[in-house]
């Protein structure tokens, strides 16, 4: 996710608690979705759709933080 911001992501994960929480939740959702889609964990279609929407919303929030931080750098 956002390979052009790899270094900035590493910095923000340690320096910005809000960013770190968003990033962690995004990773958790990604893992949950993958497990449901791979059949490792049972889940309904609506559940996956809801999780994907939340994940996308978090990704949008992460991008906003990254853009602001990049502009300040």
PDB file of N, CA and C in Angstrom:
ATOM      1  N   UNK A   1       0.841  -1.171   0.000  1.00  0.00           N
ATOM      2  CA  UNK A   1       0.000   0.000   0.000  1.00  0.00           C
ATOM      3  C   UNK A   1       0.890   1.239   0.000  1.00  0.00           C
ATOM      4  N   UNK A   2       0.684   2.099  -0.939  1.00  0.00           N
ATOM      5  CA  UNK A   2       1.414   3.360  -1.093  1.00  0.00           C
ATOM      6  C   UNK A   2       2.935   3.173  -1.085  1.00  0.00           C
ATOM      7  N   UNK A   3       3.473   2.420  -2.043  1.00  0.00           N
ATOM      8  CA  UNK A   3       4.920   2.170  -2.050  1.00  0.00           C
ATOM      9  C   UNK A   3       5.743   3.454  -2.153  1.00  0.00           C
ATOM     10  N   UNK A   4       5.183   4.497  -2.735  1.00  0.00           N
ATOM     11  CA  UNK A   4       5.904   5.761  -2.865  1.00  0.00           C
ATOM     12  C   UNK A   4       6.103   6.449  -1.511  1.00  0.00           C
ATOM     13  N   UNK A   5       5.355   6.005  -0.502  1.00  0.00           N
ATOM     14  CA  UNK A   5       5.445   6.588   0.836  1.00  0.00           C
ATOM     15  C   UNK A   5       6.040   5.605   1.852  1.00  0.00           C
ATOM     16  N   UNK A   6       6.738   4.602   1.388  1.00  0.00           N
ATOM     17  CA  UNK A   6       7.250   3.549   2.265  1.00  0.00           C
ATOM     18  C   UNK A   6       8.033   4.108   3.459  1.00  0.00           C
ATOM     19  N   UNK A   7       8.977   4.999   3.202  1.00  0.00           N
ATOM     20  CA  UNK A   7       9.788   5.560   4.286  1.00  0.00           C
ATOM     21  C   UNK A   7       8.948   6.411   5.227  1.00  0.00           C
ATOM     22  N   UNK A   8       8.060   7.194   4.660  1.00  0.00           N
ATOM     23  CA  UNK A   8       7.189   8.047   5.466  1.00  0.00           C
ATOM     24  C   UNK A   8       6.257   7.201   6.332  1.00  0.00           C
ATOM     25  N   UNK A   9       5.757   6.111   5.788  1.00  0.00           N
ATOM     26  CA  UNK A   9       4.896   5.204   6.559  1.00  0.00           C
ATOM     27  C   UNK A   9       5.662   4.652   7.754  1.00  0.00           C
ATOM     28  N   UNK A  10       6.890   4.219   7.535  1.00  0.00           N
ATOM     29  CA  UNK A  10       7.710   3.694   8.633  1.00  0.00           C
ATOM     30  C   UNK A  10       7.893   4.731   9.726  1.00  0.00           C
ATOM     31  N   UNK A  11       8.150   5.956   9.329  1.00  0.00           N
ATOM     32  CA  UNK A  11       8.326   7.030  10.310  1.00  0.00           C
ATOM     33  C   UNK A  11       7.045   7.326  11.056  1.00  0.00           C
ATOM     34  N   UNK A  12       5.952   7.444  10.325  1.00  0.00           N
ATOM     35  CA  UNK A  12       4.683   7.795  10.953  1.00  0.00           C
ATOM     36  C   UNK A  12       4.177   6.700  11.890  1.00  0.00           C
ATOM     37  N   UNK A  13       4.469   5.450  11.581  1.00  0.00           N
ATOM     38  CA  UNK A  13       4.026   4.358  12.452  1.00  0.00           C
ATOM     39  C   UNK A  13       4.664   4.453  13.835  1.00  0.00           C
ATOM     40  N   UNK A  14       5.842   5.040  13.918  1.00  0.00           N
ATOM     41  CA  UNK A  14       6.504   5.180  15.216  1.00  0.00           C
ATOM     42  C   UNK A  14       6.291   6.553  15.839  1.00  0.00           C
ATOM     43  N   UNK A  15       6.040   7.572  15.025  1.00  0.00           N
ATOM     44  CA  UNK A  15       5.960   8.946  15.525  1.00  0.00           C
ATOM     45  C   UNK A  15       4.536   9.468  15.693  1.00  0.00           C
ATOM     46  N   UNK A  16       3.561   8.853  15.063  1.00  0.00           N
ATOM     47  CA  UNK A  16       2.183   9.357  15.080  1.00  0.00           C
ATOM     48  C   UNK A  16       1.249   8.233  15.538  1.00  0.00           C
ATOM     49  N   UNK A  17       0.785   8.340  16.777  1.00  0.00           N
ATOM     50  CA  UNK A  17      -0.050   7.279  17.359  1.00  0.00           C
ATOM     51  C   UNK A  17      -1.345   7.082  16.573  1.00  0.00           C
ATOM     52  N   UNK A  18      -1.945   8.174  16.100  1.00  0.00           N
ATOM     53  CA  UNK A  18      -3.186   8.074  15.325  1.00  0.00           C
ATOM     54  C   UNK A  18      -2.941   7.297  14.032  1.00  0.00           C
ATOM     55  N   UNK A  19      -1.881   7.659  13.326  1.00  0.00           N
ATOM     56  CA  UNK A  19      -1.532   6.957  12.089  1.00  0.00           C
ATOM     57  C   UNK A  19      -1.266   5.487  12.373  1.00  0.00           C
ATOM     58  N   UNK A  20      -0.539   5.204  13.446  1.00  0.00           N
ATOM     59  CA  UNK A  20      -0.211   3.819  13.794  1.00  0.00           C
ATOM     60  C   UNK A  20      -1.477   3.007  14.047  1.00  0.00           C
ATOM     61  N   UNK A  21      -2.463   3.600  14.748  1.00  0.00           N
ATOM     62  CA  UNK A  21      -3.726   2.897  15.007  1.00  0.00           C
ATOM     63  C   UNK A  21      -4.481   2.638  13.707  1.00  0.00           C
ATOM     64  N   UNK A  22      -4.549   3.638  12.843  1.00  0.00           N
ATOM     65  CA  UNK A  22      -5.221   3.457  11.553  1.00  0.00           C
ATOM     66  C   UNK A  22      -4.550   2.358  10.740  1.00  0.00           C
ATOM     67  N   UNK A  23      -3.230   2.389  10.697  1.00  0.00           N
ATOM     68  CA  UNK A  23      -2.470   1.415   9.921  1.00  0.00           C
ATOM     69  C   UNK A  23      -2.674   0.006  10.476  1.00  0.00           C
ATOM     70  N   UNK A  24      -2.647  -0.120  11.802  1.00  0.00           N
ATOM     71  CA  UNK A  24      -2.847  -1.421  12.443  1.00  0.00           C
ATOM     72  C   UNK A  24      -4.231  -1.971  12.142  1.00  0.00           C
ATOM     73  N   UNK A  25      -5.252  -1.129  12.253  1.00  0.00           N
ATOM     74  CA  UNK A  25      -6.625  -1.570  11.980  1.00  0.00           C
ATOM     75  C   UNK A  25      -6.767  -1.980  10.513  1.00  0.00           C
ATOM     76  N   UNK A  26      -6.154  -1.243   9.610  1.00  0.00           N
ATOM     77  CA  UNK A  26      -6.190  -1.574   8.182  1.00  0.00           C
ATOM     78  C   UNK A  26      -5.569  -2.955   7.957  1.00  0.00           C
ATOM     79  N   UNK A  27      -4.445  -3.218   8.612  1.00  0.00           N
ATOM     80  CA  UNK A  27      -3.777  -4.512   8.482  1.00  0.00           C
ATOM     81  C   UNK A  27      -4.639  -5.637   9.038  1.00  0.00           C
ATOM     82  N   UNK A  28      -5.292  -5.382  10.181  1.00  0.00           N
ATOM     83  CA  UNK A  28      -6.177  -6.386  10.773  1.00  0.00           C
ATOM     84  C   UNK A  28      -7.333  -6.722   9.840  1.00  0.00           C
ATOM     85  N   UNK A  29      -7.929  -5.693   9.259  1.00  0.00           N
ATOM     86  CA  UNK A  29      -9.037  -5.913   8.323  1.00  0.00           C
ATOM     87  C   UNK A  29      -8.569  -6.695   7.107  1.00  0.00           C
ATOM     88  N   UNK A  30      -7.411  -6.353   6.592  1.00  0.00           N
ATOM     89  CA  UNK A  30      -6.863  -7.051   5.433  1.00  0.00           C
ATOM     90  C   UNK A  30      -6.704  -8.539   5.743  1.00  0.00           C
ATOM     91  N   UNK A  31      -6.200  -8.827   6.919  1.00  0.00           N
ATOM     92  CA  UNK A  31      -6.008 -10.219   7.344  1.00  0.00           C
ATOM     93  C   UNK A  31      -7.357 -10.935   7.493  1.00  0.00           C
ATOM     94  N   UNK A  32      -8.326 -10.277   8.120  1.00  0.00           N
ATOM     95  CA  UNK A  32      -9.660 -10.863   8.290  1.00  0.00           C
ATOM     96  C   UNK A  32     -10.298 -11.183   6.944  1.00  0.00           C
ATOM     97  N   UNK A  33     -10.245 -10.226   6.032  1.00  0.00           N
ATOM     98  CA  UNK A  33     -10.852 -10.399   4.711  1.00  0.00           C
ATOM     99  C   UNK A  33     -10.196 -11.564   3.983  1.00  0.00           C
ATOM    100  N   UNK A  34      -8.872 -11.608   4.024  1.00  0.00           N
ATOM    101  CA  UNK A  34      -8.153 -12.693   3.342  1.00  0.00           C
ATOM    102  C   UNK A  34      -8.552 -14.051   3.914  1.00  0.00           C
ATOM    103  N   UNK A  35      -8.637 -14.137   5.239  1.00  0.00           N
ATOM    104  CA  UNK A  35      -9.020 -15.409   5.868  1.00  0.00           C
ATOM    105  C   UNK A  35     -10.431 -15.831   5.485  1.00  0.00           C
ATOM    106  N   UNK A  36     -11.351 -14.898   5.404  1.00  0.00           N
ATOM    107  CA  UNK A  36     -12.729 -15.230   5.009  1.00  0.00           C
ATOM    108  C   UNK A  36     -12.754 -15.663   3.547  1.00  0.00           C
ATOM    109  N   UNK A  37     -12.092 -14.904   2.684  1.00  0.00           N
ATOM    110  CA  UNK A  37     -12.093 -15.227   1.255  1.00  0.00           C
ATOM    111  C   UNK A  37     -11.387 -16.555   0.960  1.00  0.00           C
ATOM    112  N   UNK A  38     -10.391 -16.898   1.763  1.00  0.00           N
ATOM    113  CA  UNK A  38      -9.665 -18.163   1.571  1.00  0.00           C
ATOM    114  C   UNK A  38     -10.354 -19.343   2.247  1.00  0.00           C
ATOM    115  N   UNK A  39     -11.457 -19.063   2.947  1.00  0.00           N
ATOM    116  CA  UNK A  39     -12.200 -20.127   3.597  1.00  0.00           C
ATOM    117  C   UNK A  39     -11.606 -20.598   4.913  1.00  0.00           C
ATOM    118  N   UNK A  40     -10.630 -19.886   5.420  1.00  0.00           N
ATOM    119  CA  UNK A  40     -10.008 -20.248   6.686  1.00  0.00           C
ATOM    120  C   UNK A  40     -10.957 -19.942   7.845  1.00  0.00           C
ATOM    121  N   UNK A  41     -11.675 -18.829   7.704  1.00  0.00           N
ATOM    122  CA  UNK A  41     -12.659 -18.400   8.696  1.00  0.00           C
ATOM    123  C   UNK A  41     -13.985 -18.245   7.969  1.00  0.00           C
ATOM    124  N   UNK A  42     -15.053 -18.681   8.618  1.00  0.00           N
ATOM    125  CA  UNK A  42     -16.353 -18.535   7.953  1.00  0.00           C
ATOM    126  C   UNK A  42     -16.824 -17.091   8.042  1.00  0.00           C
ATOM    127  N   UNK A  43     -17.506 -16.667   7.007  1.00  0.00           N
ATOM    128  CA  UNK A  43     -18.042 -15.316   6.961  1.00  0.00           C
ATOM    129  C   UNK A  43     -19.047 -15.211   5.845  1.00  0.00           C
ATOM    130  N   UNK A  44     -19.946 -14.286   5.998  1.00  0.00           N
ATOM    131  CA  UNK A  44     -20.967 -14.083   4.981  1.00  0.00           C
ATOM    132  C   UNK A  44     -20.513 -13.005   4.001  1.00  0.00           C
ATOM    133  N   UNK A  45     -21.119 -13.004   2.834  1.00  0.00           N
ATOM    134  CA  UNK A  45     -20.790 -12.011   1.808  1.00  0.00           C
ATOM    135  C   UNK A  45     -20.950 -10.592   2.296  1.00  0.00           C
ATOM    136  N   UNK A  46     -22.015 -10.347   3.039  1.00  0.00           N
ATOM    137  CA  UNK A  46     -22.251  -8.995   3.554  1.00  0.00           C
ATOM    138  C   UNK A  46     -21.160  -8.599   4.539  1.00  0.00           C
ATOM    139  N   UNK A  47     -20.668  -9.573   5.296  1.00  0.00           N
ATOM    140  CA  UNK A  47     -19.595  -9.295   6.250  1.00  0.00           C
ATOM    141  C   UNK A  47     -18.342  -8.852   5.522  1.00  0.00           C
ATOM    142  N   UNK A  48     -17.987  -9.569   4.482  1.00  0.00           N
ATOM    143  CA  UNK A  48     -16.794  -9.228   3.708  1.00  0.00           C
ATOM    144  C   UNK A  48     -16.953  -7.845   3.086  1.00  0.00           C
ATOM    145  N   UNK A  49     -18.125  -7.571   2.551  1.00  0.00           N
ATOM    146  CA  UNK A  49     -18.366  -6.268   1.934  1.00  0.00           C
ATOM    147  C   UNK A  49     -18.225  -5.148   2.965  1.00  0.00           C
ATOM    148  N   UNK A  50     -18.770  -5.357   4.147  1.00  0.00           N
ATOM    149  CA  UNK A  50     -18.669  -4.360   5.219  1.00  0.00           C
ATOM    150  C   UNK A  50     -17.218  -4.151   5.625  1.00  0.00           C
ATOM    151  N   UNK A  51     -16.476  -5.239   5.770  1.00  0.00           N
ATOM    152  CA  UNK A  51     -15.061  -5.147   6.127  1.00  0.00           C
ATOM    153  C   UNK A  51     -14.266  -4.419   5.049  1.00  0.00           C
ATOM    154  N   UNK A  52     -14.566  -4.704   3.798  1.00  0.00           N
ATOM    155  CA  UNK A  52     -13.859  -4.045   2.691  1.00  0.00           C
ATOM    156  C   UNK A  52     -14.156  -2.552   2.661  1.00  0.00           C
ATOM    157  N   UNK A  53     -15.388  -2.178   2.957  1.00  0.00           N
ATOM    158  CA  UNK A  53     -15.730  -0.750   2.989  1.00  0.00           C
ATOM    159  C   UNK A  53     -14.989  -0.037   4.111  1.00  0.00           C
ATOM    160  N   UNK A  54     -14.925  -0.680   5.279  1.00  0.00           N
ATOM    161  CA  UNK A  54     -14.190  -0.089   6.392  1.00  0.00           C
ATOM    162  C   UNK A  54     -12.708   0.039   6.050  1.00  0.00           C
ATOM    163  N   UNK A  55     -12.158  -1.006   5.422  1.00  0.00           N
ATOM    164  CA  UNK A  55     -10.750  -0.994   5.037  1.00  0.00           C
ATOM    165  C   UNK A  55     -10.466   0.135   4.040  1.00  0.00           C
ATOM    166  N   UNK A  56     -11.341   0.315   3.084  1.00  0.00           N
ATOM    167  CA  UNK A  56     -11.172   1.383   2.103  1.00  0.00           C
ATOM    168  C   UNK A  56     -11.245   2.750   2.765  1.00  0.00           C
ATOM    169  N   UNK A  57     -12.164   2.906   3.705  1.00  0.00           N
ATOM    170  CA  UNK A  57     -12.281   4.169   4.434  1.00  0.00           C
ATOM    171  C   UNK A  57     -10.985   4.459   5.202  1.00  0.00           C
ATOM    172  N   UNK A  58     -10.427   3.445   5.840  1.00  0.00           N
ATOM    173  CA  UNK A  58      -9.160   3.615   6.556  1.00  0.00           C
ATOM    174  C   UNK A  58      -8.031   3.969   5.591  1.00  0.00           C
ATOM    175  N   UNK A  59      -8.030   3.334   4.442  1.00  0.00           N
ATOM    176  CA  UNK A  59      -6.996   3.630   3.439  1.00  0.00           C
ATOM    177  C   UNK A  59      -7.069   5.086   3.008  1.00  0.00           C
ATOM    178  N   UNK A  60      -8.285   5.587   2.835  1.00  0.00           N
ATOM    179  CA  UNK A  60      -8.468   6.997   2.476  1.00  0.00           C
ATOM    180  C   UNK A  60      -7.927   7.907   3.579  1.00  0.00           C
ATOM    181  N   UNK A  61      -8.201   7.550   4.830  1.00  0.00           N
ATOM    182  CA  UNK A  61      -7.713   8.341   5.956  1.00  0.00           C
ATOM    183  C   UNK A  61      -6.183   8.307   6.023  1.00  0.00           C
ATOM    184  N   UNK A  62      -5.619   7.147   5.815  1.00  0.00           N
ATOM    185  CA  UNK A  62      -4.160   7.011   5.817  1.00  0.00           C
ATOM    186  C   UNK A  62      -3.542   7.877   4.723  1.00  0.00           C
ATOM    187  N   UNK A  63      -4.161   7.891   3.556  1.00  0.00           N
ATOM    188  CA  UNK A  63      -3.632   8.672   2.440  1.00  0.00           C
ATOM    189  C   UNK A  63      -3.647  10.163   2.764  1.00  0.00           C
ATOM    190  N   UNK A  64      -4.705  10.630   3.398  1.00  0.00           N
ATOM    191  CA  UNK A  64      -4.779  12.045   3.772  1.00  0.00           C
ATOM    192  C   UNK A  64      -3.636  12.406   4.721  1.00  0.00           C
ATOM    193  N   UNK A  65      -3.398  11.557   5.710  1.00  0.00           N
ATOM    194  CA  UNK A  65      -2.307  11.803   6.664  1.00  0.00           C
ATOM    195  C   UNK A  65      -0.969  11.797   5.931  1.00  0.00           C
ATOM    196  N   UNK A  66      -0.780  10.850   5.030  1.00  0.00           N
ATOM    197  CA  UNK A  66       0.477  10.759   4.274  1.00  0.00           C
ATOM    198  C   UNK A  66       0.702  11.999   3.411  1.00  0.00           C
ATOM    199  N   UNK A  67      -0.336  12.454   2.737  1.00  0.00           N
ATOM    200  CA  UNK A  67      -0.208  13.642   1.874  1.00  0.00           C
ATOM    201  C   UNK A  67       0.164  14.865   2.704  1.00  0.00           C
ATOM    202  N   UNK A  68      -0.470  15.025   3.860  1.00  0.00           N
ATOM    203  CA  UNK A  68      -0.167  16.175   4.725  1.00  0.00           C
ATOM    204  C   UNK A  68       1.266  16.082   5.225  1.00  0.00           C
ATOM    205  N   UNK A  69       1.670  14.913   5.657  1.00  0.00           N
ATOM    206  CA  UNK A  69       3.036  14.739   6.181  1.00  0.00           C
ATOM    207  C   UNK A  69       4.075  14.955   5.077  1.00  0.00           C
ATOM    208  N   UNK A  70       3.776  14.494   3.881  1.00  0.00           N
ATOM    209  CA  UNK A  70       4.714  14.672   2.753  1.00  0.00           C
ATOM    210  C   UNK A  70       4.850  16.139   2.393  1.00  0.00           C
ATOM    211  N   UNK A  71       3.758  16.878   2.503  1.00  0.00           N
ATOM    212  CA  UNK A  71       3.791  18.303   2.181  1.00  0.00           C
ATOM    213  C   UNK A  71       4.628  19.084   3.191  1.00  0.00           C
ATOM    214  N   UNK A  72       4.671  18.592   4.425  1.00  0.00           N
ATOM    215  CA  UNK A  72       5.436  19.264   5.468  1.00  0.00           C
ATOM    216  C   UNK A  72       6.912  18.913   5.439  1.00  0.00           C
ATOM    217  N   UNK A  73       7.228  17.813   4.769  1.00  0.00           N
ATOM    218  CA  UNK A  73       8.622  17.347   4.730  1.00  0.00           C
ATOM    219  C   UNK A  73       9.469  18.128   3.756  1.00  0.00           C
TER     220      UNK A  73
END
